[in-house]
Amino acid sequence: MIRTPGPYGKEVSIRIVSEILTNVMPQSDLRYLGKLYKDAFKGSDGVSALVKAFDLSDRNEAVEFGRSLQKRHKLLDHVKSEHDFGDNSYFFRLLPFDSNSPGGGDVPLERLQHAAFHLKSNVEVKDRRFLLKVYPNCFVGREAVTLLVTKGHAMDRDEAVRMGVAMQSELGLFEHVTGDHVFKDEELFYRFK
């Protein structure tokens, strides 16, 4: 549960806050020094969205709430995990709902670690090509999700994605080849660390 800020603050589930953020954050593809950051927003725009969504009178309160969403609840993060949320021009991105614990809140750490070991041992890792660029020694997110489901580590593809996000962010098992994406059930490339 999260205590929302503002005059109408109340205890709500993390999932509900995640849905609110998805609806109010101004996500778009942003560029910095020639690099594209997909589904991102500037910190200052995120602060404005939080002020409006939660009827806050103070931007500092929005920054504090945003930092709580980043550090404690893992609902947003800097695109390269290098900066705290703030009223600034750094780029941030929403993270898939994982209820603030490894494995999406419903997968014990031991089970998550076992699934991570199985994934690392069995997913196909090879050089892959996208737009004339070769990415060595990587795997495809969609194939990893399929493996987690078919081998019984996850009940469905949504749970497999939550597990993958936890493996990426909590266990530090792998990263997106260019650092642009959290784990997704898509044709995106990831590399084990």
N, C-alpha and C. Protein backbone atom coordinates (compact mmCIF):
# COMPACT_ATOMS: atom_id res chain seq x y z
N MET A 1 0.84 -1.19 0.00
CA MET A 1 0.00 0.00 0.00
C MET A 1 0.89 1.26 0.00
N ILE A 2 0.37 2.28 -0.65
CA ILE A 2 1.06 3.56 -0.72
C ILE A 2 0.13 4.63 -0.18
N ARG A 3 0.67 5.49 0.66
CA ARG A 3 -0.09 6.66 1.13
C ARG A 3 0.12 7.75 0.08
N THR A 4 -0.93 8.11 -0.64
CA THR A 4 -0.80 9.15 -1.65
C THR A 4 -0.73 10.52 -0.98
N PRO A 5 0.01 11.45 -1.59
CA PRO A 5 0.15 12.78 -1.00
C PRO A 5 -1.06 13.65 -1.31
N GLY A 6 -1.03 14.84 -0.79
CA GLY A 6 -2.05 15.83 -1.14
C GLY A 6 -3.22 15.84 -0.19
N PRO A 7 -4.15 16.76 -0.41
CA PRO A 7 -5.28 16.95 0.51
C PRO A 7 -6.25 15.76 0.51
N TYR A 8 -6.23 14.95 -0.55
CA TYR A 8 -7.13 13.80 -0.62
C TYR A 8 -6.35 12.50 -0.46
N GLY A 9 -5.18 12.59 0.15
CA GLY A 9 -4.32 11.43 0.30
C GLY A 9 -4.99 10.30 1.05
N LYS A 10 -4.73 9.08 0.59
CA LYS A 10 -5.28 7.90 1.25
C LYS A 10 -4.40 6.71 0.92
N GLU A 11 -4.63 5.62 1.61
CA GLU A 11 -3.89 4.38 1.35
C GLU A 11 -4.50 3.69 0.13
N VAL A 12 -3.68 3.46 -0.88
CA VAL A 12 -4.14 2.75 -2.07
C VAL A 12 -3.10 1.70 -2.45
N SER A 13 -3.51 0.74 -3.24
CA SER A 13 -2.58 -0.32 -3.63
C SER A 13 -1.54 0.22 -4.61
N ILE A 14 -0.40 -0.44 -4.63
CA ILE A 14 0.67 -0.06 -5.55
C ILE A 14 0.19 -0.21 -6.98
N ARG A 15 -0.60 -1.25 -7.24
CA ARG A 15 -1.12 -1.47 -8.59
C ARG A 15 -1.96 -0.27 -9.06
N ILE A 16 -2.78 0.29 -8.18
CA ILE A 16 -3.62 1.44 -8.56
C ILE A 16 -2.73 2.65 -8.86
N VAL A 17 -1.72 2.90 -8.03
CA VAL A 17 -0.81 4.02 -8.28
C VAL A 17 -0.10 3.82 -9.61
N SER A 18 0.31 2.58 -9.90
CA SER A 18 0.95 2.28 -11.17
C SER A 18 0.03 2.62 -12.34
N GLU A 19 -1.24 2.28 -12.22
CA GLU A 19 -2.21 2.59 -13.28
C GLU A 19 -2.41 4.10 -13.42
N ILE A 20 -2.44 4.81 -12.30
CA ILE A 20 -2.57 6.28 -12.36
C ILE A 20 -1.37 6.87 -13.08
N LEU A 21 -0.17 6.41 -12.72
CA LEU A 21 1.04 6.93 -13.36
C LEU A 21 1.03 6.67 -14.86
N THR A 22 0.60 5.49 -15.25
CA THR A 22 0.54 5.15 -16.67
C THR A 22 -0.37 6.12 -17.42
N ASN A 23 -1.44 6.54 -16.76
CA ASN A 23 -2.40 7.44 -17.40
C ASN A 23 -1.98 8.90 -17.39
N VAL A 24 -1.17 9.32 -16.41
CA VAL A 24 -0.88 10.76 -16.29
C VAL A 24 0.53 11.17 -16.73
N MET A 25 1.47 10.26 -16.72
CA MET A 25 2.84 10.65 -17.08
C MET A 25 2.95 10.87 -18.59
N PRO A 26 3.57 11.98 -18.98
CA PRO A 26 3.67 12.33 -20.40
C PRO A 26 4.80 11.57 -21.10
N GLN A 27 4.57 10.31 -21.40
CA GLN A 27 5.61 9.46 -21.98
C GLN A 27 5.75 9.68 -23.48
N SER A 28 7.00 9.81 -23.93
CA SER A 28 7.27 9.95 -25.36
C SER A 28 8.72 9.53 -25.61
N ASP A 29 9.10 9.51 -26.86
CA ASP A 29 10.47 9.20 -27.23
C ASP A 29 11.28 10.49 -27.17
N LEU A 30 12.31 10.53 -26.32
CA LEU A 30 13.12 11.73 -26.12
C LEU A 30 14.55 11.47 -26.56
N ARG A 31 15.22 12.52 -27.03
CA ARG A 31 16.61 12.40 -27.49
C ARG A 31 17.52 13.27 -26.63
N TYR A 32 18.73 12.72 -26.40
CA TYR A 32 19.77 13.49 -25.72
C TYR A 32 21.10 13.06 -26.32
N LEU A 33 21.85 14.02 -26.84
CA LEU A 33 23.15 13.76 -27.47
C LEU A 33 23.07 12.65 -28.52
N GLY A 34 22.01 12.70 -29.31
CA GLY A 34 21.85 11.75 -30.40
C GLY A 34 21.29 10.40 -30.00
N LYS A 35 21.08 10.16 -28.71
CA LYS A 35 20.56 8.87 -28.25
C LYS A 35 19.07 8.99 -27.98
N LEU A 36 18.33 7.98 -28.44
CA LEU A 36 16.88 7.96 -28.27
C LEU A 36 16.50 7.18 -27.02
N TYR A 37 15.64 7.78 -26.20
CA TYR A 37 15.13 7.12 -25.00
C TYR A 37 13.62 6.97 -25.17
N LYS A 38 13.18 5.73 -25.36
CA LYS A 38 11.76 5.45 -25.63
C LYS A 38 10.93 5.52 -24.35
N ASP A 39 9.69 5.93 -24.52
CA ASP A 39 8.70 5.96 -23.43
C ASP A 39 9.25 6.67 -22.19
N ALA A 40 9.85 7.82 -22.37
CA ALA A 40 10.48 8.55 -21.27
C ALA A 40 9.77 9.89 -21.03
N PHE A 41 10.12 10.52 -19.92
CA PHE A 41 9.60 11.86 -19.63
C PHE A 41 10.66 12.61 -18.83
N LYS A 42 10.65 13.94 -18.96
CA LYS A 42 11.57 14.77 -18.18
C LYS A 42 11.09 14.81 -16.74
N GLY A 43 12.04 14.90 -15.81
CA GLY A 43 11.68 14.99 -14.40
C GLY A 43 10.70 16.12 -14.12
N SER A 44 10.95 17.28 -14.72
CA SER A 44 10.06 18.43 -14.48
C SER A 44 8.64 18.16 -14.98
N ASP A 45 8.52 17.45 -16.11
CA ASP A 45 7.18 17.11 -16.62
C ASP A 45 6.52 16.07 -15.72
N GLY A 46 7.31 15.16 -15.17
CA GLY A 46 6.78 14.18 -14.22
C GLY A 46 6.28 14.84 -12.95
N VAL A 47 7.03 15.84 -12.48
CA VAL A 47 6.61 16.58 -11.30
C VAL A 47 5.28 17.28 -11.57
N SER A 48 5.17 17.93 -12.73
CA SER A 48 3.91 18.61 -13.08
C SER A 48 2.75 17.63 -13.12
N ALA A 49 2.99 16.44 -13.68
CA ALA A 49 1.93 15.42 -13.76
C ALA A 49 1.51 14.96 -12.37
N LEU A 50 2.47 14.77 -11.45
CA LEU A 50 2.14 14.36 -10.09
C LEU A 50 1.36 15.46 -9.35
N VAL A 51 1.77 16.73 -9.54
CA VAL A 51 1.06 17.84 -8.92
C VAL A 51 -0.40 17.83 -9.36
N LYS A 52 -0.62 17.66 -10.66
CA LYS A 52 -1.99 17.68 -11.19
C LYS A 52 -2.78 16.44 -10.77
N ALA A 53 -2.19 15.26 -10.88
CA ALA A 53 -2.90 14.01 -10.60
C ALA A 53 -3.31 13.88 -9.13
N PHE A 54 -2.47 14.39 -8.23
CA PHE A 54 -2.74 14.23 -6.80
C PHE A 54 -3.12 15.54 -6.11
N ASP A 55 -3.42 16.57 -6.93
CA ASP A 55 -3.89 17.86 -6.44
C ASP A 55 -2.93 18.44 -5.39
N LEU A 56 -1.65 18.45 -5.72
CA LEU A 56 -0.64 18.96 -4.79
C LEU A 56 -0.46 20.46 -4.97
N SER A 57 -0.14 21.15 -3.90
CA SER A 57 0.07 22.59 -3.99
C SER A 57 1.55 22.94 -4.07
N ASP A 58 2.42 21.94 -3.91
CA ASP A 58 3.84 22.19 -3.82
C ASP A 58 4.63 21.20 -4.68
N ARG A 59 5.50 21.72 -5.54
CA ARG A 59 6.30 20.85 -6.41
C ARG A 59 7.28 19.99 -5.61
N ASN A 60 7.73 20.52 -4.45
CA ASN A 60 8.64 19.74 -3.61
C ASN A 60 7.97 18.49 -3.07
N GLU A 61 6.68 18.58 -2.75
CA GLU A 61 5.93 17.40 -2.30
C GLU A 61 5.86 16.37 -3.42
N ALA A 62 5.70 16.83 -4.66
CA ALA A 62 5.68 15.93 -5.82
C ALA A 62 7.05 15.26 -6.00
N VAL A 63 8.13 16.00 -5.78
CA VAL A 63 9.47 15.41 -5.89
C VAL A 63 9.66 14.33 -4.83
N GLU A 64 9.26 14.62 -3.60
CA GLU A 64 9.38 13.61 -2.53
C GLU A 64 8.59 12.36 -2.85
N PHE A 65 7.36 12.54 -3.34
CA PHE A 65 6.53 11.40 -3.70
C PHE A 65 7.16 10.63 -4.86
N GLY A 66 7.66 11.35 -5.85
CA GLY A 66 8.31 10.70 -6.99
C GLY A 66 9.53 9.90 -6.56
N ARG A 67 10.30 10.42 -5.61
CA ARG A 67 11.47 9.68 -5.12
C ARG A 67 11.05 8.42 -4.37
N SER A 68 9.94 8.50 -3.65
CA SER A 68 9.41 7.31 -2.99
C SER A 68 8.97 6.27 -4.02
N LEU A 69 8.34 6.74 -5.09
CA LEU A 69 7.92 5.83 -6.16
C LEU A 69 9.13 5.20 -6.83
N GLN A 70 10.24 5.93 -6.88
CA GLN A 70 11.47 5.42 -7.50
C GLN A 70 12.21 4.46 -6.57
N LYS A 71 12.49 4.90 -5.36
CA LYS A 71 13.37 4.14 -4.45
C LYS A 71 12.65 3.01 -3.71
N ARG A 72 11.49 3.31 -3.19
CA ARG A 72 10.81 2.33 -2.33
C ARG A 72 9.90 1.41 -3.12
N HIS A 73 9.17 1.97 -4.08
CA HIS A 73 8.15 1.19 -4.76
C HIS A 73 8.54 0.73 -6.16
N LYS A 74 9.67 1.22 -6.67
CA LYS A 74 10.21 0.78 -7.97
C LYS A 74 9.19 0.93 -9.11
N LEU A 75 8.48 2.06 -9.12
CA LEU A 75 7.50 2.31 -10.18
C LEU A 75 8.05 3.22 -11.27
N LEU A 76 9.16 3.89 -11.00
CA LEU A 76 9.81 4.71 -12.03
C LEU A 76 11.30 4.75 -11.74
N ASP A 77 12.08 5.11 -12.75
CA ASP A 77 13.51 5.23 -12.55
C ASP A 77 14.11 6.10 -13.65
N HIS A 78 15.30 6.62 -13.38
CA HIS A 78 16.06 7.34 -14.38
C HIS A 78 16.37 6.36 -15.51
N VAL A 79 16.40 6.81 -16.75
CA VAL A 79 16.57 5.92 -17.90
C VAL A 79 17.86 5.11 -17.82
N LYS A 80 18.85 5.60 -17.09
CA LYS A 80 20.11 4.84 -16.93
C LYS A 80 20.38 4.52 -15.46
N SER A 81 19.37 4.69 -14.62
CA SER A 81 19.48 4.43 -13.18
C SER A 81 20.63 5.20 -12.53
N GLU A 82 20.83 6.44 -12.98
CA GLU A 82 21.95 7.23 -12.48
C GLU A 82 21.53 8.42 -11.62
N HIS A 83 20.26 8.81 -11.64
CA HIS A 83 19.84 10.02 -10.93
C HIS A 83 18.55 9.78 -10.16
N ASP A 84 18.44 10.49 -9.03
CA ASP A 84 17.19 10.48 -8.28
C ASP A 84 16.16 11.33 -9.01
N PHE A 85 14.91 10.97 -8.83
CA PHE A 85 13.81 11.73 -9.43
C PHE A 85 13.87 13.16 -8.90
N GLY A 86 13.63 14.13 -9.79
CA GLY A 86 13.65 15.52 -9.37
C GLY A 86 12.98 16.42 -10.38
N ASP A 87 12.87 17.68 -10.01
CA ASP A 87 12.25 18.70 -10.85
C ASP A 87 13.34 19.23 -11.77
N ASN A 88 13.71 18.42 -12.76
CA ASN A 88 14.87 18.73 -13.60
C ASN A 88 14.63 18.23 -15.02
N SER A 89 15.68 18.27 -15.84
CA SER A 89 15.53 17.84 -17.24
C SER A 89 16.07 16.43 -17.49
N TYR A 90 16.42 15.69 -16.42
CA TYR A 90 16.83 14.29 -16.61
C TYR A 90 15.63 13.48 -17.10
N PHE A 91 15.92 12.41 -17.83
CA PHE A 91 14.87 11.56 -18.37
C PHE A 91 14.58 10.39 -17.43
N PHE A 92 13.30 10.13 -17.24
CA PHE A 92 12.84 9.03 -16.40
C PHE A 92 11.86 8.17 -17.20
N ARG A 93 11.59 7.00 -16.67
CA ARG A 93 10.72 6.05 -17.35
C ARG A 93 9.94 5.28 -16.29
N LEU A 94 8.67 4.99 -16.59
CA LEU A 94 7.88 4.15 -15.69
C LEU A 94 8.36 2.71 -15.80
N LEU A 95 8.33 1.99 -14.69
CA LEU A 95 8.68 0.58 -14.67
C LEU A 95 7.41 -0.25 -14.53
N PRO A 96 7.40 -1.46 -15.08
CA PRO A 96 6.22 -2.31 -14.92
C PRO A 96 5.95 -2.58 -13.45
N PHE A 97 4.68 -2.70 -13.11
CA PHE A 97 4.27 -2.97 -11.74
C PHE A 97 4.93 -4.24 -11.22
N ASP A 98 5.60 -4.15 -10.06
CA ASP A 98 6.16 -5.35 -9.45
C ASP A 98 5.93 -5.40 -7.94
N SER A 99 5.05 -4.56 -7.44
CA SER A 99 4.64 -4.47 -6.03
C SER A 99 5.80 -4.44 -5.03
N ASN A 100 6.91 -3.84 -5.45
CA ASN A 100 8.01 -3.52 -4.54
C ASN A 100 8.72 -4.72 -3.94
N SER A 101 8.75 -5.84 -4.64
CA SER A 101 9.56 -6.94 -4.14
C SER A 101 9.94 -7.86 -5.28
N PRO A 102 11.02 -8.60 -5.12
CA PRO A 102 11.44 -9.48 -6.19
C PRO A 102 10.32 -10.42 -6.61
N GLY A 103 10.21 -10.60 -7.94
CA GLY A 103 9.23 -11.55 -8.47
C GLY A 103 7.83 -11.01 -8.49
N GLY A 104 7.65 -9.69 -8.38
CA GLY A 104 6.31 -9.13 -8.49
C GLY A 104 5.50 -9.25 -7.22
N GLY A 105 6.14 -9.51 -6.10
CA GLY A 105 5.43 -9.55 -4.84
C GLY A 105 4.79 -10.88 -4.55
N ASP A 106 4.68 -11.76 -5.53
CA ASP A 106 4.04 -13.04 -5.28
C ASP A 106 4.97 -14.22 -5.56
N VAL A 107 6.24 -13.94 -5.82
CA VAL A 107 7.21 -15.00 -6.08
C VAL A 107 8.31 -14.92 -5.02
N PRO A 108 8.46 -15.96 -4.21
CA PRO A 108 9.52 -15.95 -3.20
C PRO A 108 10.90 -15.80 -3.86
N LEU A 109 11.82 -15.17 -3.14
CA LEU A 109 13.15 -14.92 -3.67
C LEU A 109 13.83 -16.21 -4.11
N GLU A 110 13.68 -17.26 -3.34
CA GLU A 110 14.31 -18.54 -3.70
C GLU A 110 13.79 -19.05 -5.05
N ARG A 111 12.48 -18.94 -5.25
CA ARG A 111 11.89 -19.36 -6.53
C ARG A 111 12.39 -18.49 -7.68
N LEU A 112 12.51 -17.18 -7.42
CA LEU A 112 13.00 -16.27 -8.44
C LEU A 112 14.45 -16.61 -8.81
N GLN A 113 15.27 -16.90 -7.81
CA GLN A 113 16.66 -17.25 -8.07
C GLN A 113 16.76 -18.55 -8.86
N HIS A 114 15.91 -19.53 -8.54
CA HIS A 114 15.90 -20.78 -9.28
C HIS A 114 15.52 -20.53 -10.75
N ALA A 115 14.50 -19.72 -10.96
CA ALA A 115 14.07 -19.39 -12.32
C ALA A 115 15.17 -18.65 -13.07
N ALA A 116 15.88 -17.76 -12.37
CA ALA A 116 16.98 -17.01 -12.99
C ALA A 116 18.10 -17.96 -13.42
N PHE A 117 18.43 -18.92 -12.56
CA PHE A 117 19.45 -19.91 -12.91
C PHE A 117 19.02 -20.71 -14.14
N HIS A 118 17.77 -21.14 -14.16
CA HIS A 118 17.24 -21.91 -15.29
C HIS A 118 17.26 -21.07 -16.56
N LEU A 119 16.85 -19.81 -16.46
CA LEU A 119 16.85 -18.92 -17.63
C LEU A 119 18.27 -18.78 -18.18
N LYS A 120 19.22 -18.49 -17.31
CA LYS A 120 20.60 -18.27 -17.76
C LYS A 120 21.19 -19.54 -18.39
N SER A 121 20.76 -20.69 -17.91
CA SER A 121 21.29 -21.96 -18.42
C SER A 121 20.62 -22.42 -19.71
N ASN A 122 19.39 -21.93 -19.99
CA ASN A 122 18.62 -22.51 -21.09
C ASN A 122 18.16 -21.57 -22.20
N VAL A 123 18.12 -20.28 -21.96
CA VAL A 123 17.68 -19.39 -23.03
C VAL A 123 18.78 -19.31 -24.09
N GLU A 124 18.38 -19.18 -25.34
CA GLU A 124 19.36 -19.15 -26.43
C GLU A 124 20.09 -17.80 -26.47
N VAL A 125 21.38 -17.87 -26.24
CA VAL A 125 22.24 -16.68 -26.27
C VAL A 125 23.10 -16.77 -27.52
N LYS A 126 23.01 -15.74 -28.36
CA LYS A 126 23.80 -15.73 -29.58
C LYS A 126 23.92 -14.29 -30.09
N ASP A 127 24.74 -14.10 -31.10
CA ASP A 127 24.86 -12.79 -31.73
C ASP A 127 23.57 -12.52 -32.51
N ARG A 128 23.05 -11.33 -32.38
CA ARG A 128 21.80 -10.97 -33.05
C ARG A 128 21.98 -9.65 -33.77
N ARG A 129 21.21 -9.47 -34.84
CA ARG A 129 21.34 -8.30 -35.69
C ARG A 129 20.04 -7.49 -35.69
N PHE A 130 20.21 -6.17 -35.62
CA PHE A 130 19.08 -5.25 -35.75
C PHE A 130 19.59 -4.00 -36.46
N LEU A 131 18.96 -3.65 -37.58
CA LEU A 131 19.32 -2.47 -38.36
C LEU A 131 20.82 -2.40 -38.65
N LEU A 132 21.35 -3.47 -39.19
CA LEU A 132 22.74 -3.59 -39.61
C LEU A 132 23.76 -3.59 -38.47
N LYS A 133 23.30 -3.57 -37.24
CA LYS A 133 24.22 -3.63 -36.10
C LYS A 133 24.12 -5.01 -35.47
N VAL A 134 25.26 -5.57 -35.13
CA VAL A 134 25.30 -6.88 -34.48
C VAL A 134 25.48 -6.69 -32.98
N TYR A 135 24.62 -7.35 -32.21
CA TYR A 135 24.70 -7.34 -30.76
C TYR A 135 25.16 -8.72 -30.31
N PRO A 136 26.40 -8.84 -29.83
CA PRO A 136 26.92 -10.16 -29.48
C PRO A 136 26.34 -10.71 -28.17
N ASN A 137 26.26 -12.03 -28.12
CA ASN A 137 25.92 -12.76 -26.88
C ASN A 137 24.69 -12.22 -26.16
N CYS A 138 23.56 -12.24 -26.84
CA CYS A 138 22.34 -11.74 -26.21
C CYS A 138 21.18 -12.69 -26.44
N PHE A 139 20.09 -12.44 -25.71
CA PHE A 139 18.87 -13.23 -25.86
C PHE A 139 17.69 -12.30 -26.10
N VAL A 140 16.59 -12.87 -26.54
CA VAL A 140 15.38 -12.10 -26.86
C VAL A 140 14.40 -12.17 -25.69
N GLY A 141 13.86 -11.03 -25.29
CA GLY A 141 12.91 -10.97 -24.18
C GLY A 141 11.73 -11.91 -24.37
N ARG A 142 11.15 -11.91 -25.55
CA ARG A 142 9.98 -12.76 -25.81
C ARG A 142 10.32 -14.24 -25.63
N GLU A 143 11.52 -14.66 -26.07
CA GLU A 143 11.93 -16.06 -25.91
C GLU A 143 12.14 -16.40 -24.44
N ALA A 144 12.65 -15.46 -23.67
CA ALA A 144 12.84 -15.68 -22.23
C ALA A 144 11.49 -15.85 -21.54
N VAL A 145 10.51 -15.03 -21.91
CA VAL A 145 9.17 -15.14 -21.33
C VAL A 145 8.58 -16.51 -21.65
N THR A 146 8.70 -16.93 -22.90
CA THR A 146 8.18 -18.24 -23.31
C THR A 146 8.83 -19.35 -22.48
N LEU A 147 10.14 -19.27 -22.30
CA LEU A 147 10.85 -20.29 -21.53
C LEU A 147 10.36 -20.34 -20.09
N LEU A 148 10.21 -19.18 -19.45
CA LEU A 148 9.75 -19.14 -18.06
C LEU A 148 8.36 -19.75 -17.90
N VAL A 149 7.49 -19.54 -18.89
CA VAL A 149 6.13 -20.08 -18.82
C VAL A 149 6.12 -21.57 -19.13
N THR A 150 6.76 -21.97 -20.22
CA THR A 150 6.71 -23.38 -20.64
C THR A 150 7.42 -24.31 -19.66
N LYS A 151 8.40 -23.81 -18.94
CA LYS A 151 9.11 -24.64 -17.95
C LYS A 151 8.49 -24.55 -16.56
N GLY A 152 7.37 -23.85 -16.45
CA GLY A 152 6.62 -23.83 -15.19
C GLY A 152 7.11 -22.86 -14.14
N HIS A 153 8.00 -21.95 -14.48
CA HIS A 153 8.47 -20.96 -13.50
C HIS A 153 7.45 -19.84 -13.31
N ALA A 154 6.62 -19.60 -14.33
CA ALA A 154 5.60 -18.55 -14.27
C ALA A 154 4.27 -19.13 -14.74
N MET A 155 3.18 -18.66 -14.15
CA MET A 155 1.84 -19.15 -14.51
C MET A 155 1.41 -18.64 -15.89
N ASP A 156 1.80 -17.42 -16.22
CA ASP A 156 1.41 -16.83 -17.50
C ASP A 156 2.48 -15.83 -17.93
N ARG A 157 2.28 -15.22 -19.08
CA ARG A 157 3.29 -14.32 -19.64
C ARG A 157 3.43 -13.05 -18.79
N ASP A 158 2.35 -12.57 -18.19
CA ASP A 158 2.44 -11.38 -17.33
C ASP A 158 3.32 -11.65 -16.12
N GLU A 159 3.13 -12.81 -15.48
CA GLU A 159 3.96 -13.15 -14.33
C GLU A 159 5.42 -13.31 -14.76
N ALA A 160 5.64 -13.91 -15.94
CA ALA A 160 7.00 -14.07 -16.45
C ALA A 160 7.67 -12.72 -16.66
N VAL A 161 6.93 -11.74 -17.14
CA VAL A 161 7.49 -10.39 -17.33
C VAL A 161 7.84 -9.79 -15.97
N ARG A 162 6.96 -9.92 -14.98
CA ARG A 162 7.26 -9.39 -13.64
C ARG A 162 8.52 -10.07 -13.08
N MET A 163 8.64 -11.37 -13.30
CA MET A 163 9.84 -12.07 -12.84
C MET A 163 11.08 -11.55 -13.57
N GLY A 164 10.96 -11.34 -14.89
CA GLY A 164 12.08 -10.82 -15.66
C GLY A 164 12.50 -9.44 -15.19
N VAL A 165 11.53 -8.59 -14.89
CA VAL A 165 11.85 -7.25 -14.39
C VAL A 165 12.59 -7.37 -13.06
N ALA A 166 12.14 -8.27 -12.19
CA ALA A 166 12.82 -8.46 -10.90
C ALA A 166 14.22 -9.03 -11.11
N MET A 167 14.37 -9.96 -12.05
CA MET A 167 15.71 -10.50 -12.33
C MET A 167 16.64 -9.39 -12.82
N GLN A 168 16.09 -8.47 -13.61
CA GLN A 168 16.89 -7.38 -14.16
C GLN A 168 17.21 -6.34 -13.08
N SER A 169 16.18 -5.89 -12.35
CA SER A 169 16.39 -4.77 -11.43
C SER A 169 16.84 -5.19 -10.04
N GLU A 170 16.29 -6.29 -9.52
CA GLU A 170 16.63 -6.70 -8.16
C GLU A 170 17.85 -7.62 -8.11
N LEU A 171 17.92 -8.57 -9.03
CA LEU A 171 19.05 -9.51 -9.03
C LEU A 171 20.21 -9.02 -9.88
N GLY A 172 19.96 -8.05 -10.78
CA GLY A 172 21.01 -7.55 -11.67
C GLY A 172 21.54 -8.62 -12.61
N LEU A 173 20.67 -9.54 -13.03
CA LEU A 173 21.08 -10.68 -13.83
C LEU A 173 21.45 -10.30 -15.26
N PHE A 174 20.72 -9.34 -15.84
CA PHE A 174 20.95 -8.96 -17.23
C PHE A 174 20.56 -7.51 -17.42
N GLU A 175 20.84 -6.99 -18.62
CA GLU A 175 20.45 -5.63 -18.97
C GLU A 175 20.10 -5.58 -20.45
N HIS A 176 19.34 -4.59 -20.84
CA HIS A 176 19.05 -4.37 -22.25
C HIS A 176 20.35 -4.00 -22.94
N VAL A 177 20.54 -4.45 -24.18
CA VAL A 177 21.85 -4.27 -24.85
C VAL A 177 22.27 -2.81 -24.99
N THR A 178 21.31 -1.89 -25.05
CA THR A 178 21.68 -0.47 -25.13
C THR A 178 21.25 0.30 -23.88
N GLY A 179 20.69 -0.41 -22.90
CA GLY A 179 20.26 0.24 -21.66
C GLY A 179 18.99 1.04 -21.78
N ASP A 180 18.22 0.82 -22.86
CA ASP A 180 17.03 1.63 -23.12
C ASP A 180 15.73 1.05 -22.59
N HIS A 181 15.69 -0.22 -22.22
CA HIS A 181 14.41 -0.84 -21.87
C HIS A 181 14.52 -1.70 -20.62
N VAL A 182 13.46 -1.67 -19.83
CA VAL A 182 13.30 -2.68 -18.80
C VAL A 182 12.85 -3.95 -19.52
N PHE A 183 12.84 -5.06 -18.84
CA PHE A 183 12.49 -6.33 -19.46
C PHE A 183 11.05 -6.30 -19.96
N LYS A 184 10.86 -6.76 -21.21
CA LYS A 184 9.52 -6.77 -21.82
C LYS A 184 9.34 -8.04 -22.64
N ASP A 185 8.09 -8.40 -22.86
CA ASP A 185 7.71 -9.54 -23.69
C ASP A 185 7.68 -9.07 -25.15
N GLU A 186 8.86 -8.71 -25.65
CA GLU A 186 8.98 -8.17 -27.00
C GLU A 186 10.27 -8.68 -27.64
N GLU A 187 10.45 -8.35 -28.89
CA GLU A 187 11.66 -8.76 -29.63
C GLU A 187 12.81 -7.81 -29.31
N LEU A 188 13.09 -7.64 -28.03
CA LEU A 188 14.18 -6.79 -27.57
C LEU A 188 15.32 -7.67 -27.09
N PHE A 189 16.54 -7.18 -27.23
CA PHE A 189 17.74 -7.97 -26.90
C PHE A 189 18.25 -7.59 -25.51
N TYR A 190 18.62 -8.63 -24.75
CA TYR A 190 19.18 -8.47 -23.41
C TYR A 190 20.45 -9.29 -23.30
N ARG A 191 21.34 -8.84 -22.42
CA ARG A 191 22.62 -9.53 -22.25
C ARG A 191 22.85 -9.80 -20.77
N PHE A 192 23.28 -11.02 -20.44
CA PHE A 192 23.61 -11.34 -19.07
C PHE A 192 24.85 -10.56 -18.64
N LYS A 193 24.88 -10.15 -17.38
CA LYS A 193 26.02 -9.39 -16.85
C LYS A 193 27.11 -10.36 -16.40
